[in-house]
């Protein structure tokens, strides 16, 4: 091998090392195509896209985002097992995360990432973390109901006096997360009884936004939904919420449940460093700022992170304490099926 070739090889090695050193951003090397990650995103597509675009802009790491629903992706990941092409899984609610966690398919989240999220917004096992949150509310027709006529507890809606007067979207992951919290807080017997009353009393709708529109149109007097549907509509034209106000149950009632949106790393990931970096970014100050300034109107849950100014502060919701790792989607599905709701 001649000297000129050795000298050329050395120059290439030095140049490569210099490029790698200068490409570090937030402790992660800029990626080539082989280092891109796949995110199964069950969060709202617009929010997921904001996180992905901001992360790629900061790190250079390519992200392929696949859009779906909580349980669709959870079941798909379990079917795929170690062959799953996903590196990261993001959800709207936590039961889907618990389902994948119980199947042993998550890698532990880096401690530095967990440190960015208060303990009450992540599961006790540290196998995934909260990335955002949403509050349960009773959206009511303010032209028909005054505050003194509102239910004091979510459980009050089981009273025959509420028959035909309220609605919900029982088939959706949002509502099933609320039922999961009820199960954890009040037990199986109380949950089964409430679900039976739900079947008898409530009008089913396909989606929270549809349920809210029904309240606005006077079809029902109220509906159990998450808060951000109202805020999102108000930020646009308000045409689907002009007659609607929000009732927060508070008092650590099951109806004050705050559902955690989750993020986890698949242990089968071939790009573990990049996947962990993505989850760290989402829970970082920059990632949580997207929740404050964006259009999702979900709560930021990172330490010292501020949510949108229009929202009732998380600390004022007086939500019940629920370990997200204990939310049981399988049992909820069984109970809701037995009640004839799904």
Protein backbone atom coordinates (compact mmCIF):
# COMPACT_ATOMS: atom_id res chain seq x y z
CA UNK A 1 0.00 0.00 0.00
CA UNK A 2 1.60 3.29 -1.03
CA UNK A 3 2.13 6.33 1.17
CA UNK A 4 -0.33 8.57 -0.69
CA UNK A 5 -3.18 6.15 -0.07
CA UNK A 6 -2.31 5.92 3.65
CA UNK A 7 -2.25 9.70 3.87
CA UNK A 8 -5.63 9.92 2.09
CA UNK A 9 -7.15 7.31 4.42
CA UNK A 10 -5.89 9.21 7.45
CA UNK A 11 -7.33 12.45 6.16
CA UNK A 12 -10.72 10.80 5.66
CA UNK A 13 -10.66 9.37 9.19
CA UNK A 14 -9.84 12.79 10.67
CA UNK A 15 -12.57 14.46 8.63
CA UNK A 16 -15.09 11.84 9.72
CA UNK A 17 -14.19 12.31 13.37
CA UNK A 18 -14.49 16.09 13.06
CA UNK A 19 -17.90 15.77 11.40
CA UNK A 20 -19.17 13.46 14.15
CA UNK A 21 -17.91 15.83 16.84
CA UNK A 22 -19.54 18.89 15.30
CA UNK A 23 -22.81 17.06 14.58
CA UNK A 24 -23.67 16.50 18.23
CA UNK A 25 -26.85 18.26 19.25
CA UNK A 26 -28.31 17.77 22.73
CA UNK A 27 -25.92 14.85 23.15
CA UNK A 28 -27.20 12.98 20.07
CA UNK A 29 -25.29 12.61 16.83
CA UNK A 30 -27.03 13.81 13.68
CA UNK A 31 -28.51 10.87 11.87
CA UNK A 32 -28.14 9.38 8.46
CA UNK A 33 -31.06 7.41 6.97
CA UNK A 34 -30.08 4.23 8.80
CA UNK A 35 -30.48 5.96 12.17
CA UNK A 36 -34.03 7.18 11.61
CA UNK A 37 -36.71 6.05 14.04
CA UNK A 38 -40.32 4.93 13.61
CA UNK A 39 -42.93 6.40 15.95
CA UNK A 40 -46.32 4.76 16.36
CA UNK A 41 -48.33 7.87 17.18
CA UNK A 42 -51.77 7.46 18.76
CA UNK A 43 -51.74 11.06 19.95
CA UNK A 44 -53.52 13.66 17.83
CA UNK A 45 -51.70 13.75 14.52
CA UNK A 46 -51.08 17.51 14.62
CA UNK A 47 -49.45 17.33 18.06
CA UNK A 48 -47.36 14.30 17.12
CA UNK A 49 -46.20 16.10 13.97
CA UNK A 50 -45.19 19.18 15.94
CA UNK A 51 -43.04 17.07 18.25
CA UNK A 52 -41.50 15.10 15.39
CA UNK A 53 -40.67 18.16 13.30
CA UNK A 54 -39.16 20.07 16.21
CA UNK A 55 -37.07 17.05 17.26
CA UNK A 56 -35.74 16.48 13.74
CA UNK A 57 -34.93 20.18 13.38
CA UNK A 58 -32.90 20.11 16.61
CA UNK A 59 -31.13 16.77 16.18
CA UNK A 60 -31.20 15.94 12.48
CA UNK A 61 -32.63 12.53 13.35
CA UNK A 62 -35.18 11.38 10.79
CA UNK A 63 -38.56 10.26 12.16
CA UNK A 64 -41.20 8.25 10.34
CA UNK A 65 -44.56 8.77 12.06
CA UNK A 66 -47.32 6.23 11.66
CA UNK A 67 -50.76 7.35 12.80
CA UNK A 68 -53.33 5.19 14.57
CA UNK A 69 -55.31 4.78 17.78
CA UNK A 70 -54.28 3.72 21.29
CA UNK A 71 -55.57 0.16 21.36
CA UNK A 72 -55.03 -0.44 17.66
CA UNK A 73 -51.31 0.19 18.06
CA UNK A 74 -51.07 -1.53 21.46
CA UNK A 75 -52.52 -4.74 20.05
CA UNK A 76 -50.41 -4.41 16.92
CA UNK A 77 -47.22 -4.05 18.95
CA UNK A 78 -48.10 -7.13 20.97
CA UNK A 79 -48.73 -9.11 17.77
CA UNK A 80 -45.48 -7.88 16.23
CA UNK A 81 -43.46 -8.66 19.36
CA UNK A 82 -39.71 -8.42 18.88
CA UNK A 83 -40.25 -7.94 15.14
CA UNK A 84 -42.05 -4.62 15.56
CA UNK A 85 -40.64 -1.87 13.34
CA UNK A 86 -41.64 0.71 15.96
CA UNK A 87 -39.02 2.39 18.09
CA UNK A 88 -41.36 4.66 20.07
CA UNK A 89 -45.03 4.42 21.04
CA UNK A 90 -47.05 7.55 21.94
CA UNK A 91 -50.63 7.39 23.21
CA UNK A 92 -53.50 9.65 24.18
CA UNK A 93 -54.25 7.65 27.34
CA UNK A 94 -52.34 5.32 29.63
CA UNK A 95 -54.22 1.96 29.50
CA UNK A 96 -52.69 1.17 26.09
CA UNK A 97 -49.24 1.79 27.56
CA UNK A 98 -50.04 -0.54 30.46
CA UNK A 99 -51.12 -3.24 28.01
CA UNK A 100 -47.78 -3.13 26.16
CA UNK A 101 -45.87 -2.83 29.44
CA UNK A 102 -47.57 -5.92 30.86
CA UNK A 103 -46.48 -7.82 27.75
CA UNK A 104 -42.87 -6.97 28.63
CA UNK A 105 -42.21 -5.10 25.39
CA UNK A 106 -40.87 -1.78 26.73
CA UNK A 107 -37.27 -0.88 27.51
CA UNK A 108 -36.67 1.14 30.69
CA UNK A 109 -36.87 4.88 30.09
CA UNK A 110 -33.58 6.72 30.67
CA UNK A 111 -33.35 8.12 34.19
CA UNK A 112 -32.59 11.60 32.86
CA UNK A 113 -35.89 11.54 30.97
CA UNK A 114 -37.85 10.29 33.97
CA UNK A 115 -36.31 13.07 36.04
CA UNK A 116 -38.01 15.60 33.77
CA UNK A 117 -41.49 14.35 34.74
CA UNK A 118 -43.01 14.53 38.25
CA UNK A 119 -43.79 11.13 39.79
CA UNK A 120 -47.56 11.67 39.69
CA UNK A 121 -47.45 11.87 35.89
CA UNK A 122 -45.60 8.64 35.20
CA UNK A 123 -46.05 4.99 36.21
CA UNK A 124 -44.30 3.58 39.24
CA UNK A 125 -42.36 0.99 37.22
CA UNK A 126 -40.45 3.52 35.07
CA UNK A 127 -41.02 1.57 31.87
CA UNK A 128 -42.75 4.49 30.16
CA UNK A 129 -43.51 8.09 31.03
CA UNK A 130 -46.22 10.70 30.82
CA UNK A 131 -45.88 13.20 27.99
CA UNK A 132 -49.11 15.22 28.37
CA UNK A 133 -52.40 15.08 30.28
CA UNK A 134 -56.12 15.72 29.91
CA UNK A 135 -58.82 16.29 32.52
CA UNK A 136 -62.17 14.56 32.70
CA UNK A 137 -65.05 17.06 32.65
CA UNK A 138 -68.83 17.16 32.45
CA UNK A 139 -69.66 19.34 29.45
CA UNK A 140 -73.16 20.72 30.04
CA UNK A 141 -75.77 22.82 28.28
CA UNK A 142 -75.59 26.11 30.14
CA UNK A 143 -78.97 27.15 28.71
CA UNK A 144 -80.62 24.24 30.56
CA UNK A 145 -78.50 23.53 33.64
CA UNK A 146 -77.34 25.85 36.40
CA UNK A 147 -74.42 25.01 38.65
CA UNK A 148 -76.65 23.90 41.50
CA UNK A 149 -78.25 21.29 39.22
CA UNK A 150 -74.97 19.67 38.16
CA UNK A 151 -73.87 16.23 39.40
CA UNK A 152 -71.61 16.44 42.43
CA UNK A 153 -69.83 13.22 41.42
CA UNK A 154 -69.35 11.14 38.30
CA UNK A 155 -71.15 8.38 40.21
CA UNK A 156 -74.28 10.56 40.47
CA UNK A 157 -74.89 10.01 36.77
CA UNK A 158 -75.96 6.46 37.64
CA UNK A 159 -79.06 7.89 39.33
CA UNK A 160 -82.30 7.18 37.40
CA UNK A 161 -82.96 10.93 37.56
CA UNK A 162 -80.27 11.32 34.86
CA UNK A 163 -81.83 8.79 32.50
CA UNK A 164 -81.76 10.09 28.93
CA UNK A 165 -80.11 13.35 29.97
CA UNK A 166 -76.42 12.72 29.35
CA UNK A 167 -74.09 11.17 26.84
CA UNK A 168 -70.62 9.68 26.43
CA UNK A 169 -68.42 7.94 23.87
CA UNK A 170 -68.04 4.55 25.58
CA UNK A 171 -66.31 2.78 22.70
CA UNK A 172 -63.37 5.20 22.64
CA UNK A 173 -60.04 4.88 24.43
CA UNK A 174 -60.66 8.24 26.14
CA UNK A 175 -63.73 7.01 27.98
CA UNK A 176 -62.25 3.61 28.72
CA UNK A 177 -59.34 5.34 30.46
CA UNK A 178 -61.86 7.07 32.72
CA UNK A 179 -63.50 3.72 33.47
CA UNK A 180 -60.04 2.29 34.23
CA UNK A 181 -59.56 4.99 36.85
CA UNK A 182 -63.01 4.29 38.30
CA UNK A 183 -62.10 0.60 38.55
CA UNK A 184 -58.84 1.37 40.35
CA UNK A 185 -60.47 3.86 42.72
CA UNK A 186 -63.79 2.17 43.53
CA UNK A 187 -63.32 -1.48 42.68
CA UNK A 188 -64.95 -3.96 40.33
CA UNK A 189 -68.41 -4.17 41.92
CA UNK A 190 -68.97 -0.40 41.97
CA UNK A 191 -67.61 -0.05 38.43
CA UNK A 192 -69.86 -2.81 37.08
CA UNK A 193 -72.90 -1.17 38.70
CA UNK A 194 -72.01 2.23 37.26
CA UNK A 195 -71.52 0.76 33.78
CA UNK A 196 -74.92 -0.93 33.98
CA UNK A 197 -76.47 2.44 34.83
CA UNK A 198 -74.50 4.04 32.00
CA UNK A 199 -76.06 1.58 29.57
CA UNK A 200 -79.52 2.48 30.85
CA UNK A 201 -79.10 6.23 31.33
CA UNK A 202 -76.69 7.59 28.72
CA UNK A 203 -76.86 8.18 24.99
CA UNK A 204 -73.81 6.73 23.20
CA UNK A 205 -71.91 8.87 20.71
CA UNK A 206 -68.96 8.14 18.48
CA UNK A 207 -66.25 10.42 19.82
CA UNK A 208 -65.93 13.17 22.42
CA UNK A 209 -66.40 15.96 19.89
CA UNK A 210 -69.66 14.38 18.67
CA UNK A 211 -70.88 14.09 22.26
CA UNK A 212 -70.06 17.76 22.87
CA UNK A 213 -71.89 18.77 19.69
CA UNK A 214 -74.92 16.86 20.94
CA UNK A 215 -74.87 18.88 24.16
CA UNK A 216 -74.52 22.09 22.18
CA UNK A 217 -77.48 21.13 19.98
CA UNK A 218 -79.69 20.33 22.96
CA UNK A 219 -79.88 16.57 22.34
CA UNK A 220 -78.65 15.86 25.88
CA UNK A 221 -78.01 18.10 28.88
CA UNK A 222 -74.43 16.96 29.43
CA UNK A 223 -71.65 14.59 28.42
CA UNK A 224 -68.53 13.12 30.00
CA UNK A 225 -65.58 14.14 27.83
CA UNK A 226 -62.04 15.51 28.13
CA UNK A 227 -61.52 19.23 28.58
CA UNK A 228 -59.55 20.05 25.43
CA UNK A 229 -62.35 19.38 22.97
CA UNK A 230 -64.18 22.43 24.32
CA UNK A 231 -61.05 24.61 24.38
CA UNK A 232 -60.12 23.57 20.85
CA UNK A 233 -63.56 24.44 19.50
CA UNK A 234 -63.63 27.74 21.38
CA UNK A 235 -60.27 28.66 19.86
CA UNK A 236 -61.76 28.21 16.38
CA UNK A 237 -65.33 29.35 15.72
CA UNK A 238 -67.00 28.06 18.89
CA UNK A 239 -69.94 26.92 16.77
CA UNK A 240 -69.98 23.47 18.37
CA UNK A 241 -69.60 24.69 21.95
CA UNK A 242 -71.34 28.08 22.19
CA UNK A 243 -74.04 26.67 24.51
CA UNK A 244 -71.61 24.48 26.45
CA UNK A 245 -69.76 25.08 29.71
CA UNK A 246 -67.41 22.75 31.59
CA UNK A 247 -68.00 21.34 35.06
CA UNK A 248 -64.92 20.09 36.94
CA UNK A 249 -65.83 17.53 39.61
CA UNK A 250 -62.65 18.08 41.70
CA UNK A 251 -62.66 16.71 45.31
CA UNK A 252 -60.57 13.71 44.17
CA UNK A 253 -63.72 12.31 42.59
CA UNK A 254 -63.34 9.65 39.86
CA UNK A 255 -64.83 12.30 37.59
CA UNK A 256 -61.81 14.50 38.28
CA UNK A 257 -59.45 11.87 36.85
CA UNK A 258 -56.51 13.26 34.89
CA UNK A 259 -55.52 10.86 32.14
CA UNK A 260 -51.85 10.68 31.23
CA UNK A 261 -50.75 10.48 27.62
CA UNK A 262 -47.81 8.10 27.48
CA UNK A 263 -44.54 7.58 25.68
CA UNK A 264 -42.47 4.41 25.69
CA UNK A 265 -39.46 2.83 23.96
CA UNK A 266 -39.81 -0.61 22.42
CA UNK A 267 -37.10 -2.91 23.75
CA UNK A 268 -36.79 -4.38 20.24
CA UNK A 269 -35.69 -0.99 18.86
CA UNK A 270 -32.56 -1.10 16.71
CA UNK A 271 -32.06 2.64 17.31
CA UNK A 272 -32.21 2.77 21.09
CA UNK A 273 -30.08 5.90 21.50
CA UNK A 274 -32.14 7.89 19.03
CA UNK A 275 -35.45 6.59 20.41
CA UNK A 276 -34.48 7.54 23.95
CA UNK A 277 -33.41 10.96 22.68
CA UNK A 278 -36.83 11.49 21.13
CA UNK A 279 -38.68 10.71 24.35
CA UNK A 280 -36.28 12.92 26.26
CA UNK A 281 -37.03 15.76 23.86
CA UNK A 282 -40.82 15.36 24.15
CA UNK A 283 -40.62 15.63 27.95
CA UNK A 284 -38.04 18.44 27.88
CA UNK A 285 -38.76 22.12 28.34
CA UNK A 286 -38.76 22.62 24.56
CA UNK A 287 -41.05 19.65 23.93
CA UNK A 288 -43.50 20.68 26.65
CA UNK A 289 -43.53 24.27 25.39
CA UNK A 290 -45.29 22.92 22.29
CA UNK A 291 -48.21 22.00 24.56
CA UNK A 292 -48.32 25.54 25.95
CA UNK A 293 -48.16 27.39 22.64
CA UNK A 294 -49.75 24.88 20.26
CA UNK A 295 -53.36 24.09 19.44
CA UNK A 296 -53.82 20.80 21.30
CA UNK A 297 -54.91 22.42 24.61
CA UNK A 298 -53.58 19.42 26.51
CA UNK A 299 -51.76 19.89 29.78
CA UNK A 300 -47.98 20.08 29.93
CA UNK A 301 -46.72 17.75 32.65
CA UNK A 302 -42.92 18.26 32.62
CA UNK A 303 -41.29 19.67 35.74
CA UNK A 304 -41.77 23.44 35.87
CA UNK A 305 -43.58 23.29 32.51
CA UNK A 306 -46.45 25.72 32.02
CA UNK A 307 -49.69 24.79 30.27
CA UNK A 308 -51.81 27.04 28.09
CA UNK A 309 -52.96 30.05 30.11
CA UNK A 310 -56.62 29.38 29.26
CA UNK A 311 -56.67 26.03 31.08
CA UNK A 312 -57.64 25.50 34.71
CA UNK A 313 -54.25 24.82 36.37
CA UNK A 314 -53.54 21.15 37.06
CA UNK A 315 -52.96 21.88 40.73
CA UNK A 316 -56.49 23.29 41.01
CA UNK A 317 -58.22 20.21 39.60
CA UNK A 318 -57.86 18.25 42.86
CA UNK A 319 -57.66 15.04 40.87
CA UNK A 320 -57.60 11.58 42.50
CA UNK A 321 -54.22 9.90 42.79
CA UNK A 322 -54.03 6.96 40.42
CA UNK A 323 -50.92 4.94 39.56
CA UNK A 324 -51.02 4.78 35.77
CA UNK A 325 -49.24 1.42 35.88
CA UNK A 326 -52.34 -0.10 37.52
CA UNK A 327 -54.92 0.97 34.96
CA UNK A 328 -56.33 -2.28 33.61
CA UNK A 329 -57.62 -2.03 30.06
CA UNK A 330 -58.29 -5.78 29.80
CA UNK A 331 -60.60 -5.87 32.83
CA UNK A 332 -62.32 -2.66 31.67
CA UNK A 333 -63.00 -4.22 28.28
CA UNK A 334 -64.48 -7.27 30.00
CA UNK A 335 -66.70 -5.17 32.24
CA UNK A 336 -67.86 -2.89 29.43
CA UNK A 337 -68.59 -5.88 27.19
CA UNK A 338 -70.60 -7.51 29.97
CA UNK A 339 -72.59 -4.27 30.33
CA UNK A 340 -73.33 -4.26 26.60
CA UNK A 341 -71.43 -1.04 25.97
CA UNK A 342 -68.83 -2.32 23.50
